Amino acid sequence: MARPSTITSEQILEAARAVFLERGIRATTAQVARRAGVAEGSLFKRFSTKHELFFAAMQPAIQDPPFLRAIEGRVGQGDVRGNMVELGTQLMEFLRGMLPLLMMSWSQRAGELPPHLAVKDPPPTRALRRTAEYFAAEMKLGRMRKQDPEVVARALFGGVQNYVFHELIRKSRAGRRSPESYVRDLVALLWAGAAPARRRQEGGRG
């Protein structure tokens, strides 16, 4: 039974995100309507084409996630290595939802950047910059060894993104390494070069 006509656009977009993640860009508006519990015609009253619905549905997935918006508050707080593990774990969950949508979006633009990326300061750039700024602040406090903070940020992002990419092309989250253990070992590798000199000598955590 169809839902009442009072269904919100956000409810429709939530259904669309779920369907596009499950079925890719080949998903039909009929499948989205069925998931939302509305008539297919109701979709086209709000979104003129399937591609318009797709791009609207993916917008929340590529916006700055809460953990990045709050990263400034981590400066000088807690354990830096633990913060890196938490950041990497949250980044992995974010990329698991965002990367498939981003790849689908790119495939529909004939090699051109999607609208949400063809801007002066796109979300991935902001995420990298905020993370690098966090590392720079910790370096200034002496809680990390001074080096190029952007390189550290890129190494963390790149390692996590590589895991998610291979997980995606395998079509399964099951693998030899769990995401949690992978992030811990990735951070351990990065921390070997990022820990303050006194911490490396002591073999401790920062």
N, C-alpha and C. Protein backbone atom coordinates (compact mmCIF):
# COMPACT_ATOMS: atom_id res chain seq x y z
N MET A 1 0.85 -1.19 0.00
CA MET A 1 0.00 0.00 0.00
C MET A 1 0.89 1.24 0.00
N ALA A 2 0.53 2.20 -0.87
CA ALA A 2 1.34 3.41 -0.97
C ALA A 2 1.19 4.26 0.28
N ARG A 3 2.27 4.96 0.60
CA ARG A 3 2.22 5.86 1.74
C ARG A 3 1.37 7.09 1.40
N PRO A 4 0.94 7.82 2.39
CA PRO A 4 0.18 9.05 2.13
C PRO A 4 1.03 10.04 1.36
N SER A 5 0.35 10.99 0.68
CA SER A 5 1.05 11.96 -0.15
C SER A 5 1.89 12.93 0.68
N THR A 6 1.84 12.80 2.00
CA THR A 6 2.60 13.70 2.87
C THR A 6 4.05 13.25 3.04
N ILE A 7 4.45 12.21 2.36
CA ILE A 7 5.84 11.77 2.44
C ILE A 7 6.75 12.92 2.04
N THR A 8 7.82 13.09 2.77
CA THR A 8 8.72 14.22 2.52
C THR A 8 9.72 13.88 1.42
N SER A 9 10.30 14.93 0.85
CA SER A 9 11.33 14.72 -0.16
C SER A 9 12.54 13.99 0.43
N GLU A 10 12.86 14.27 1.70
CA GLU A 10 14.00 13.60 2.33
C GLU A 10 13.75 12.10 2.47
N GLN A 11 12.51 11.71 2.74
CA GLN A 11 12.19 10.28 2.82
C GLN A 11 12.37 9.62 1.46
N ILE A 12 11.99 10.33 0.42
CA ILE A 12 12.19 9.81 -0.94
C ILE A 12 13.68 9.68 -1.24
N LEU A 13 14.46 10.69 -0.84
CA LEU A 13 15.89 10.67 -1.10
C LEU A 13 16.59 9.58 -0.30
N GLU A 14 16.14 9.32 0.90
CA GLU A 14 16.71 8.22 1.70
C GLU A 14 16.48 6.89 1.00
N ALA A 15 15.26 6.70 0.46
CA ALA A 15 14.96 5.48 -0.28
C ALA A 15 15.81 5.39 -1.53
N ALA A 16 15.98 6.52 -2.22
CA ALA A 16 16.78 6.54 -3.45
C ALA A 16 18.23 6.20 -3.17
N ARG A 17 18.80 6.76 -2.09
CA ARG A 17 20.19 6.45 -1.73
C ARG A 17 20.37 4.96 -1.50
N ALA A 18 19.43 4.37 -0.77
CA ALA A 18 19.53 2.93 -0.48
C ALA A 18 19.47 2.11 -1.75
N VAL A 19 18.56 2.46 -2.65
CA VAL A 19 18.41 1.70 -3.90
C VAL A 19 19.62 1.88 -4.81
N PHE A 20 20.11 3.11 -4.93
CA PHE A 20 21.28 3.33 -5.80
C PHE A 20 22.52 2.63 -5.26
N LEU A 21 22.66 2.59 -3.94
CA LEU A 21 23.80 1.88 -3.36
C LEU A 21 23.70 0.38 -3.61
N GLU A 22 22.48 -0.15 -3.57
CA GLU A 22 22.29 -1.58 -3.79
C GLU A 22 22.44 -1.97 -5.25
N ARG A 23 21.89 -1.15 -6.16
CA ARG A 23 21.76 -1.54 -7.55
C ARG A 23 22.57 -0.71 -8.53
N GLY A 24 23.20 0.38 -8.04
CA GLY A 24 23.96 1.22 -8.95
C GLY A 24 23.06 2.15 -9.73
N ILE A 25 23.68 2.85 -10.70
CA ILE A 25 22.95 3.83 -11.48
C ILE A 25 21.89 3.20 -12.36
N ARG A 26 21.96 1.89 -12.58
CA ARG A 26 20.96 1.21 -13.41
C ARG A 26 19.65 1.00 -12.66
N ALA A 27 19.62 1.31 -11.39
CA ALA A 27 18.37 1.20 -10.64
C ALA A 27 17.31 2.07 -11.31
N THR A 28 16.07 1.63 -11.22
CA THR A 28 14.99 2.35 -11.87
C THR A 28 14.22 3.21 -10.87
N THR A 29 13.51 4.19 -11.41
CA THR A 29 12.67 5.02 -10.55
C THR A 29 11.53 4.20 -9.96
N ALA A 30 11.12 3.16 -10.67
CA ALA A 30 10.07 2.28 -10.14
C ALA A 30 10.55 1.58 -8.87
N GLN A 31 11.83 1.17 -8.86
CA GLN A 31 12.40 0.52 -7.68
C GLN A 31 12.51 1.51 -6.53
N VAL A 32 12.88 2.74 -6.84
CA VAL A 32 12.96 3.77 -5.80
C VAL A 32 11.58 4.04 -5.23
N ALA A 33 10.58 4.18 -6.11
CA ALA A 33 9.22 4.44 -5.66
C ALA A 33 8.70 3.31 -4.78
N ARG A 34 9.02 2.09 -5.18
CA ARG A 34 8.58 0.94 -4.39
C ARG A 34 9.22 0.95 -3.01
N ARG A 35 10.50 1.29 -2.93
CA ARG A 35 11.19 1.37 -1.64
C ARG A 35 10.59 2.49 -0.78
N ALA A 36 10.24 3.60 -1.42
CA ALA A 36 9.68 4.73 -0.68
C ALA A 36 8.21 4.53 -0.33
N GLY A 37 7.55 3.60 -1.04
CA GLY A 37 6.14 3.36 -0.79
C GLY A 37 5.23 4.39 -1.41
N VAL A 38 5.66 4.93 -2.58
CA VAL A 38 4.84 5.91 -3.28
C VAL A 38 4.69 5.50 -4.74
N ALA A 39 3.78 6.14 -5.44
CA ALA A 39 3.63 5.89 -6.86
C ALA A 39 4.81 6.51 -7.60
N GLU A 40 5.22 5.88 -8.70
CA GLU A 40 6.37 6.37 -9.45
C GLU A 40 6.15 7.81 -9.92
N GLY A 41 4.91 8.13 -10.26
CA GLY A 41 4.61 9.48 -10.71
C GLY A 41 4.90 10.53 -9.65
N SER A 42 4.84 10.13 -8.38
CA SER A 42 5.11 11.07 -7.29
C SER A 42 6.56 11.54 -7.31
N LEU A 43 7.45 10.67 -7.78
CA LEU A 43 8.86 11.05 -7.86
C LEU A 43 9.06 12.17 -8.86
N PHE A 44 8.39 12.04 -10.01
CA PHE A 44 8.61 13.01 -11.08
C PHE A 44 7.91 14.33 -10.83
N LYS A 45 7.07 14.39 -9.81
CA LYS A 45 6.50 15.67 -9.42
C LYS A 45 7.54 16.51 -8.68
N ARG A 46 8.57 15.83 -8.13
CA ARG A 46 9.61 16.53 -7.36
C ARG A 46 10.96 16.51 -8.05
N PHE A 47 11.22 15.48 -8.86
CA PHE A 47 12.49 15.35 -9.57
C PHE A 47 12.18 15.01 -11.03
N SER A 48 12.62 15.86 -11.93
CA SER A 48 12.18 15.73 -13.32
C SER A 48 12.78 14.53 -14.04
N THR A 49 13.97 14.07 -13.63
CA THR A 49 14.60 12.91 -14.26
C THR A 49 15.23 12.01 -13.20
N LYS A 50 15.57 10.81 -13.62
CA LYS A 50 16.24 9.90 -12.69
C LYS A 50 17.60 10.45 -12.28
N HIS A 51 18.32 11.08 -13.20
CA HIS A 51 19.63 11.62 -12.87
C HIS A 51 19.51 12.77 -11.87
N GLU A 52 18.47 13.59 -12.00
CA GLU A 52 18.26 14.65 -11.02
C GLU A 52 18.00 14.05 -9.64
N LEU A 53 17.23 12.98 -9.60
CA LEU A 53 16.96 12.28 -8.35
C LEU A 53 18.25 11.70 -7.78
N PHE A 54 19.07 11.13 -8.65
CA PHE A 54 20.32 10.53 -8.21
C PHE A 54 21.25 11.56 -7.58
N PHE A 55 21.46 12.68 -8.27
CA PHE A 55 22.36 13.70 -7.75
C PHE A 55 21.83 14.32 -6.46
N ALA A 56 20.51 14.47 -6.38
CA ALA A 56 19.93 15.00 -5.14
C ALA A 56 20.11 14.01 -4.00
N ALA A 57 19.97 12.73 -4.31
CA ALA A 57 20.09 11.69 -3.28
C ALA A 57 21.50 11.59 -2.73
N MET A 58 22.49 11.83 -3.56
CA MET A 58 23.87 11.61 -3.12
C MET A 58 24.46 12.83 -2.42
N GLN A 59 23.81 13.98 -2.48
CA GLN A 59 24.38 15.18 -1.87
C GLN A 59 24.73 15.02 -0.39
N PRO A 60 23.81 14.51 0.46
CA PRO A 60 24.17 14.38 1.88
C PRO A 60 25.35 13.45 2.12
N ALA A 61 25.53 12.46 1.24
CA ALA A 61 26.59 11.48 1.44
C ALA A 61 27.97 12.05 1.22
N ILE A 62 28.06 13.18 0.47
CA ILE A 62 29.38 13.73 0.17
C ILE A 62 29.67 14.99 0.96
N GLN A 63 28.76 15.41 1.81
CA GLN A 63 29.02 16.59 2.62
C GLN A 63 29.98 16.23 3.76
N ASP A 64 30.54 17.26 4.37
CA ASP A 64 31.49 17.01 5.45
C ASP A 64 30.83 16.21 6.57
N PRO A 65 31.36 15.04 6.89
CA PRO A 65 30.78 14.23 7.96
C PRO A 65 31.03 14.86 9.33
N PRO A 66 30.22 14.52 10.32
CA PRO A 66 30.36 15.14 11.65
C PRO A 66 31.75 15.02 12.26
N PHE A 67 32.41 13.88 12.06
CA PHE A 67 33.71 13.69 12.71
C PHE A 67 34.76 14.65 12.15
N LEU A 68 34.60 15.10 10.90
CA LEU A 68 35.53 16.07 10.36
C LEU A 68 35.19 17.48 10.81
N ARG A 69 33.90 17.75 10.96
CA ARG A 69 33.51 19.08 11.43
C ARG A 69 33.97 19.29 12.87
N ALA A 70 34.15 18.19 13.62
CA ALA A 70 34.53 18.31 15.04
C ALA A 70 36.02 18.09 15.27
N ILE A 71 36.78 17.96 14.19
CA ILE A 71 38.18 17.55 14.35
C ILE A 71 39.00 18.60 15.08
N GLU A 72 38.66 19.89 14.94
CA GLU A 72 39.42 20.92 15.63
C GLU A 72 39.39 20.74 17.14
N GLY A 73 38.28 20.21 17.66
CA GLY A 73 38.16 20.01 19.09
C GLY A 73 39.03 18.90 19.63
N ARG A 74 39.65 18.13 18.74
CA ARG A 74 40.52 17.04 19.20
C ARG A 74 41.94 17.52 19.49
N VAL A 75 42.28 18.70 19.02
CA VAL A 75 43.65 19.19 19.17
C VAL A 75 44.02 19.26 20.64
N GLY A 76 45.13 18.60 21.00
CA GLY A 76 45.61 18.61 22.37
C GLY A 76 44.82 17.73 23.32
N GLN A 77 43.85 17.01 22.80
CA GLN A 77 42.99 16.18 23.64
C GLN A 77 43.25 14.69 23.41
N GLY A 78 43.24 13.93 24.48
CA GLY A 78 43.36 12.48 24.37
C GLY A 78 44.70 12.04 23.80
N ASP A 79 44.69 10.86 23.22
CA ASP A 79 45.88 10.21 22.69
C ASP A 79 45.90 10.40 21.18
N VAL A 80 46.97 10.97 20.63
CA VAL A 80 47.02 11.28 19.21
C VAL A 80 46.87 10.02 18.36
N ARG A 81 47.59 8.98 18.74
CA ARG A 81 47.50 7.75 17.96
C ARG A 81 46.09 7.19 18.02
N GLY A 82 45.47 7.24 19.20
CA GLY A 82 44.08 6.79 19.32
C GLY A 82 43.15 7.66 18.49
N ASN A 83 43.41 8.96 18.46
CA ASN A 83 42.61 9.85 17.63
C ASN A 83 42.72 9.47 16.16
N MET A 84 43.92 9.10 15.74
CA MET A 84 44.14 8.71 14.35
C MET A 84 43.38 7.43 14.02
N VAL A 85 43.37 6.48 14.95
CA VAL A 85 42.62 5.23 14.73
C VAL A 85 41.14 5.54 14.61
N GLU A 86 40.64 6.38 15.50
CA GLU A 86 39.21 6.72 15.45
C GLU A 86 38.87 7.47 14.17
N LEU A 87 39.74 8.39 13.78
CA LEU A 87 39.52 9.14 12.55
C LEU A 87 39.53 8.20 11.35
N GLY A 88 40.49 7.28 11.30
CA GLY A 88 40.56 6.33 10.19
C GLY A 88 39.35 5.42 10.13
N THR A 89 38.86 4.98 11.29
CA THR A 89 37.68 4.11 11.34
C THR A 89 36.44 4.85 10.85
N GLN A 90 36.27 6.09 11.30
CA GLN A 90 35.11 6.88 10.87
C GLN A 90 35.21 7.25 9.40
N LEU A 91 36.44 7.51 8.95
CA LEU A 91 36.65 7.81 7.54
C LEU A 91 36.28 6.61 6.68
N MET A 92 36.60 5.41 7.14
CA MET A 92 36.27 4.21 6.37
C MET A 92 34.76 4.06 6.22
N GLU A 93 34.02 4.27 7.30
CA GLU A 93 32.56 4.16 7.21
C GLU A 93 32.00 5.21 6.28
N PHE A 94 32.56 6.41 6.32
CA PHE A 94 32.11 7.48 5.43
C PHE A 94 32.37 7.11 3.97
N LEU A 95 33.58 6.62 3.67
CA LEU A 95 33.93 6.28 2.30
C LEU A 95 33.14 5.09 1.79
N ARG A 96 32.76 4.19 2.66
CA ARG A 96 31.94 3.05 2.24
C ARG A 96 30.61 3.52 1.65
N GLY A 97 30.06 4.60 2.18
CA GLY A 97 28.82 5.12 1.65
C GLY A 97 29.04 6.08 0.50
N MET A 98 30.13 6.85 0.55
CA MET A 98 30.35 7.90 -0.43
C MET A 98 30.99 7.41 -1.72
N LEU A 99 31.99 6.51 -1.63
CA LEU A 99 32.76 6.13 -2.81
C LEU A 99 31.92 5.50 -3.91
N PRO A 100 31.01 4.58 -3.60
CA PRO A 100 30.17 4.02 -4.69
C PRO A 100 29.34 5.10 -5.37
N LEU A 101 28.78 6.02 -4.61
CA LEU A 101 27.99 7.10 -5.18
C LEU A 101 28.87 8.01 -6.04
N LEU A 102 30.06 8.29 -5.55
CA LEU A 102 30.97 9.16 -6.29
C LEU A 102 31.36 8.52 -7.62
N MET A 103 31.64 7.23 -7.60
CA MET A 103 32.01 6.54 -8.83
C MET A 103 30.84 6.51 -9.81
N MET A 104 29.63 6.27 -9.30
CA MET A 104 28.45 6.28 -10.18
C MET A 104 28.24 7.67 -10.76
N SER A 105 28.41 8.69 -9.93
CA SER A 105 28.22 10.06 -10.38
C SER A 105 29.21 10.41 -11.48
N TRP A 106 30.45 10.04 -11.29
CA TRP A 106 31.48 10.35 -12.27
C TRP A 106 31.20 9.65 -13.60
N SER A 107 30.69 8.43 -13.52
CA SER A 107 30.44 7.66 -14.75
C SER A 107 29.35 8.28 -15.60
N GLN A 108 28.51 9.11 -14.99
CA GLN A 108 27.41 9.72 -15.73
C GLN A 108 27.79 11.06 -16.35
N ARG A 109 29.02 11.51 -16.13
CA ARG A 109 29.41 12.83 -16.60
C ARG A 109 30.41 12.78 -17.76
N ALA A 110 30.56 11.63 -18.39
CA ALA A 110 31.44 11.48 -19.55
C ALA A 110 32.83 12.05 -19.29
N GLY A 111 33.37 11.72 -18.12
CA GLY A 111 34.72 12.15 -17.78
C GLY A 111 34.79 13.51 -17.14
N GLU A 112 33.69 14.26 -17.11
CA GLU A 112 33.69 15.56 -16.47
C GLU A 112 33.42 15.42 -14.98
N LEU A 113 33.89 16.37 -14.21
CA LEU A 113 33.62 16.34 -12.78
C LEU A 113 32.14 16.54 -12.52
N PRO A 114 31.57 15.78 -11.57
CA PRO A 114 30.18 16.03 -11.17
C PRO A 114 30.06 17.44 -10.60
N PRO A 115 28.85 18.02 -10.61
CA PRO A 115 28.67 19.40 -10.14
C PRO A 115 29.19 19.66 -8.74
N HIS A 116 29.01 18.68 -7.82
CA HIS A 116 29.42 18.89 -6.44
C HIS A 116 30.94 18.87 -6.27
N LEU A 117 31.67 18.40 -7.31
CA LEU A 117 33.13 18.41 -7.24
C LEU A 117 33.72 19.54 -8.07
N ALA A 118 32.96 20.02 -9.04
CA ALA A 118 33.45 21.09 -9.92
C ALA A 118 33.24 22.45 -9.29
N VAL A 119 33.68 22.58 -8.06
CA VAL A 119 33.57 23.83 -7.31
C VAL A 119 34.96 24.18 -6.78
N LYS A 120 35.09 25.40 -6.26
CA LYS A 120 36.40 25.87 -5.82
C LYS A 120 36.95 25.05 -4.66
N ASP A 121 36.10 24.64 -3.74
CA ASP A 121 36.55 23.92 -2.54
C ASP A 121 35.67 22.70 -2.32
N PRO A 122 35.85 21.64 -3.12
CA PRO A 122 34.98 20.47 -3.02
C PRO A 122 35.17 19.70 -1.71
N PRO A 123 34.19 18.90 -1.32
CA PRO A 123 34.25 18.18 -0.04
C PRO A 123 35.53 17.38 0.19
N PRO A 124 36.03 16.60 -0.79
CA PRO A 124 37.27 15.85 -0.52
C PRO A 124 38.46 16.77 -0.18
N THR A 125 38.52 17.92 -0.84
CA THR A 125 39.60 18.87 -0.56
C THR A 125 39.47 19.44 0.85
N ARG A 126 38.25 19.76 1.25
CA ARG A 126 38.02 20.27 2.60
C ARG A 126 38.41 19.23 3.64
N ALA A 127 38.04 17.98 3.39
CA ALA A 127 38.34 16.90 4.34
C ALA A 127 39.84 16.74 4.51
N LEU A 128 40.57 16.76 3.40
CA LEU A 128 42.02 16.63 3.47
C LEU A 128 42.63 17.82 4.20
N ARG A 129 42.16 19.02 3.89
CA ARG A 129 42.71 20.22 4.52
C ARG A 129 42.46 20.23 6.02
N ARG A 130 41.25 19.87 6.44
CA ARG A 130 40.94 19.88 7.87
C ARG A 130 41.77 18.86 8.63
N THR A 131 41.98 17.71 8.02
CA THR A 131 42.80 16.69 8.67
C THR A 131 44.25 17.13 8.75
N ALA A 132 44.76 17.72 7.68
CA ALA A 132 46.14 18.24 7.70
C ALA A 132 46.29 19.34 8.74
N GLU A 133 45.27 20.19 8.86
CA GLU A 133 45.32 21.26 9.87
C GLU A 133 45.33 20.68 11.28
N TYR A 134 44.60 19.58 11.48
CA TYR A 134 44.62 18.93 12.79
C TYR A 134 46.02 18.40 13.11
N PHE A 135 46.63 17.72 12.14
CA PHE A 135 47.97 17.20 12.36
C PHE A 135 48.97 18.34 12.59
N ALA A 136 48.83 19.43 11.84
CA ALA A 136 49.74 20.57 12.01
C ALA A 136 49.63 21.14 13.43
N ALA A 137 48.40 21.22 13.95
CA ALA A 137 48.20 21.74 15.30
C ALA A 137 48.83 20.82 16.34
N GLU A 138 48.71 19.50 16.15
CA GLU A 138 49.31 18.55 17.09
C GLU A 138 50.83 18.62 17.00
N MET A 139 51.36 18.84 15.80
CA MET A 139 52.81 18.99 15.65
C MET A 139 53.30 20.24 16.38
N LYS A 140 52.52 21.30 16.30
CA LYS A 140 52.89 22.55 16.97
C LYS A 140 52.94 22.37 18.47
N LEU A 141 52.09 21.50 19.00
CA LEU A 141 52.06 21.22 20.44
C LEU A 141 53.14 20.21 20.84
N GLY A 142 53.85 19.67 19.87
CA GLY A 142 54.88 18.68 20.17
C GLY A 142 54.34 17.29 20.37
N ARG A 143 53.09 17.06 20.02
CA ARG A 143 52.48 15.74 20.20
C ARG A 143 52.67 14.85 18.97
N MET A 144 53.22 15.42 17.89
CA MET A 144 53.60 14.67 16.71
C MET A 144 54.93 15.24 16.21
N ARG A 145 55.71 14.41 15.53
CA ARG A 145 56.97 14.88 14.96
C ARG A 145 56.68 15.86 13.84
N LYS A 146 57.44 16.94 13.78
CA LYS A 146 57.20 17.95 12.75
C LYS A 146 57.61 17.44 11.38
N GLN A 147 56.67 17.48 10.46
CA GLN A 147 56.87 17.10 9.07
C GLN A 147 55.72 17.71 8.29
N ASP A 148 55.59 17.38 7.03
CA ASP A 148 54.52 17.95 6.22
C ASP A 148 53.20 17.31 6.66
N PRO A 149 52.29 18.06 7.30
CA PRO A 149 51.04 17.47 7.79
C PRO A 149 50.14 16.97 6.67
N GLU A 150 50.25 17.60 5.48
CA GLU A 150 49.42 17.13 4.37
C GLU A 150 49.84 15.74 3.91
N VAL A 151 51.13 15.45 3.99
CA VAL A 151 51.60 14.11 3.61
C VAL A 151 51.03 13.06 4.56
N VAL A 152 51.02 13.37 5.86
CA VAL A 152 50.45 12.45 6.84
C VAL A 152 48.96 12.25 6.56
N ALA A 153 48.25 13.35 6.30
CA ALA A 153 46.82 13.25 6.02
C ALA A 153 46.56 12.43 4.76
N ARG A 154 47.35 12.68 3.71
CA ARG A 154 47.17 11.93 2.47
C ARG A 154 47.48 10.44 2.66
N ALA A 155 48.48 10.15 3.48
CA ALA A 155 48.82 8.74 3.72
C ALA A 155 47.67 8.02 4.44
N LEU A 156 47.06 8.69 5.42
CA LEU A 156 45.93 8.09 6.13
C LEU A 156 44.73 7.93 5.20
N PHE A 157 44.39 9.00 4.49
CA PHE A 157 43.25 8.94 3.56
C PHE A 157 43.48 7.90 2.48
N GLY A 158 44.69 7.90 1.90
CA GLY A 158 44.99 6.97 0.82
C GLY A 158 44.92 5.52 1.25
N GLY A 159 45.45 5.23 2.45
CA GLY A 159 45.42 3.86 2.94
C GLY A 159 44.00 3.37 3.17
N VAL A 160 43.18 4.23 3.76
CA VAL A 160 41.78 3.85 4.02
C VAL A 160 41.01 3.73 2.70
N GLN A 161 41.22 4.68 1.81
CA GLN A 161 40.50 4.64 0.53
C GLN A 161 40.86 3.40 -0.26
N ASN A 162 42.12 2.99 -0.22
CA ASN A 162 42.54 1.79 -0.93
C ASN A 162 41.79 0.56 -0.42
N TYR A 163 41.63 0.46 0.91
CA TYR A 163 40.90 -0.67 1.49
C TYR A 163 39.46 -0.67 0.98
N VAL A 164 38.81 0.50 1.02
CA VAL A 164 37.41 0.59 0.61
C VAL A 164 37.25 0.28 -0.88
N PHE A 165 38.20 0.76 -1.69
CA PHE A 165 38.13 0.51 -3.13
C PHE A 165 38.20 -0.99 -3.42
N HIS A 166 39.15 -1.68 -2.81
CA HIS A 166 39.27 -3.11 -3.05
C HIS A 166 38.08 -3.88 -2.48
N GLU A 167 37.55 -3.41 -1.38
CA GLU A 167 36.34 -4.01 -0.83
C GLU A 167 35.18 -3.85 -1.81
N LEU A 168 35.12 -2.69 -2.45
CA LEU A 168 34.04 -2.41 -3.39
C LEU A 168 34.13 -3.28 -4.64
N ILE A 169 35.32 -3.43 -5.20
CA ILE A 169 35.44 -4.21 -6.42
C ILE A 169 35.31 -5.71 -6.15
N ARG A 170 35.51 -6.11 -4.89
CA ARG A 170 35.27 -7.52 -4.54
C ARG A 170 33.79 -7.77 -4.25
N LYS A 171 33.01 -6.68 -4.17
CA LYS A 171 31.57 -6.78 -3.90
C LYS A 171 31.29 -7.44 -2.55
N SER A 172 32.22 -7.34 -1.64
CA SER A 172 32.01 -7.97 -0.35
C SER A 172 32.87 -7.27 0.69
N ARG A 173 32.36 -7.20 1.91
CA ARG A 173 33.15 -6.64 3.00
C ARG A 173 33.95 -7.73 3.72
N ALA A 174 33.73 -8.96 3.32
CA ALA A 174 34.45 -10.05 3.95
C ALA A 174 35.83 -10.15 3.34
N GLY A 175 36.84 -10.25 4.13
CA GLY A 175 38.20 -10.36 3.64
C GLY A 175 39.10 -10.91 4.71
N ARG A 176 40.36 -11.03 4.36
CA ARG A 176 41.31 -11.59 5.30
C ARG A 176 41.51 -10.67 6.49
N ARG A 177 41.42 -9.36 6.27
CA ARG A 177 41.62 -8.40 7.33
C ARG A 177 40.32 -7.68 7.65
N SER A 178 40.02 -7.57 8.92
CA SER A 178 38.84 -6.79 9.30
C SER A 178 39.17 -5.32 9.16
N PRO A 179 38.17 -4.48 8.90
CA PRO A 179 38.43 -3.04 8.80
C PRO A 179 39.10 -2.48 10.04
N GLU A 180 38.67 -2.94 11.21
CA GLU A 180 39.22 -2.42 12.46
C GLU A 180 40.70 -2.73 12.60
N SER A 181 41.09 -3.99 12.33
CA SER A 181 42.50 -4.35 12.47
C SER A 181 43.34 -3.67 11.39
N TYR A 182 42.76 -3.49 10.20
CA TYR A 182 43.48 -2.81 9.13
C TYR A 182 43.80 -1.37 9.53
N VAL A 183 42.81 -0.66 10.05
CA VAL A 183 43.02 0.74 10.44
C VAL A 183 44.06 0.82 11.56
N ARG A 184 43.97 -0.08 12.54
CA ARG A 184 44.95 -0.06 13.64
C ARG A 184 46.37 -0.26 13.11
N ASP A 185 46.54 -1.22 12.20
CA ASP A 185 47.88 -1.48 11.67
C ASP A 185 48.35 -0.37 10.75
N LEU A 186 47.43 0.24 10.00
CA LEU A 186 47.79 1.37 9.15
C LEU A 186 48.29 2.53 10.02
N VAL A 187 47.57 2.83 11.08
CA VAL A 187 47.97 3.92 11.97
C VAL A 187 49.28 3.58 12.67
N ALA A 188 49.47 2.32 13.04
CA ALA A 188 50.74 1.92 13.67
C ALA A 188 51.91 2.19 12.74
N LEU A 189 51.72 1.92 11.46
CA LEU A 189 52.77 2.18 10.48
C LEU A 189 53.04 3.67 10.36
N LEU A 190 51.98 4.46 10.26
CA LEU A 190 52.14 5.92 10.15
C LEU A 190 52.74 6.51 11.43
N TRP A 191 52.31 5.96 12.58
CA TRP A 191 52.77 6.49 13.86
C TRP A 191 54.26 6.27 14.06
N ALA A 192 54.81 5.25 13.43
CA ALA A 192 56.24 4.99 13.55
C ALA A 192 57.05 6.18 13.03
N GLY A 193 56.48 6.91 12.07
CA GLY A 193 57.17 8.09 11.56
C GLY A 193 56.61 9.39 12.08
N ALA A 194 55.46 9.33 12.74
CA ALA A 194 54.80 10.56 13.19
C ALA A 194 54.96 10.82 14.68
N ALA A 195 55.33 9.81 15.45
CA ALA A 195 55.45 9.99 16.90
C ALA A 195 56.58 10.95 17.24
N PRO A 196 56.42 11.74 18.30
CA PRO A 196 57.52 12.61 18.73
C PRO A 196 58.76 11.78 19.03
N ALA A 197 59.91 12.38 18.90
CA ALA A 197 61.17 11.64 19.07
C ALA A 197 61.23 10.94 20.41
N ARG A 198 60.80 11.59 21.48
CA ARG A 198 60.88 10.97 22.80
C ARG A 198 59.98 9.74 22.89
N ARG A 199 58.85 9.77 22.17
CA ARG A 199 57.93 8.63 22.20
C ARG A 199 58.52 7.46 21.43
N ARG A 200 59.17 7.76 20.29
CA ARG A 200 59.77 6.66 19.53
C ARG A 200 60.88 6.01 20.34
N GLN A 201 61.64 6.83 21.08
CA GLN A 201 62.70 6.28 21.89
C GLN A 201 62.16 5.42 23.03
N GLU A 202 61.03 5.87 23.59
CA GLU A 202 60.43 5.13 24.69
C GLU A 202 59.59 3.96 24.24
N GLY A 203 59.22 3.98 22.93
CA GLY A 203 58.34 2.94 22.42
C GLY A 203 56.93 3.12 22.89
N GLY A 204 56.57 4.37 23.35
CA GLY A 204 55.25 4.62 23.88
C GLY A 204 54.31 5.18 22.83
N ARG A 205 53.14 5.57 23.32
CA ARG A 205 52.11 6.17 22.47
C ARG A 205 51.98 7.63 22.84
N GLY A 206 51.65 8.48 21.76
CA GLY A 206 51.53 9.90 21.99
C GLY A 206 50.14 10.32 22.31
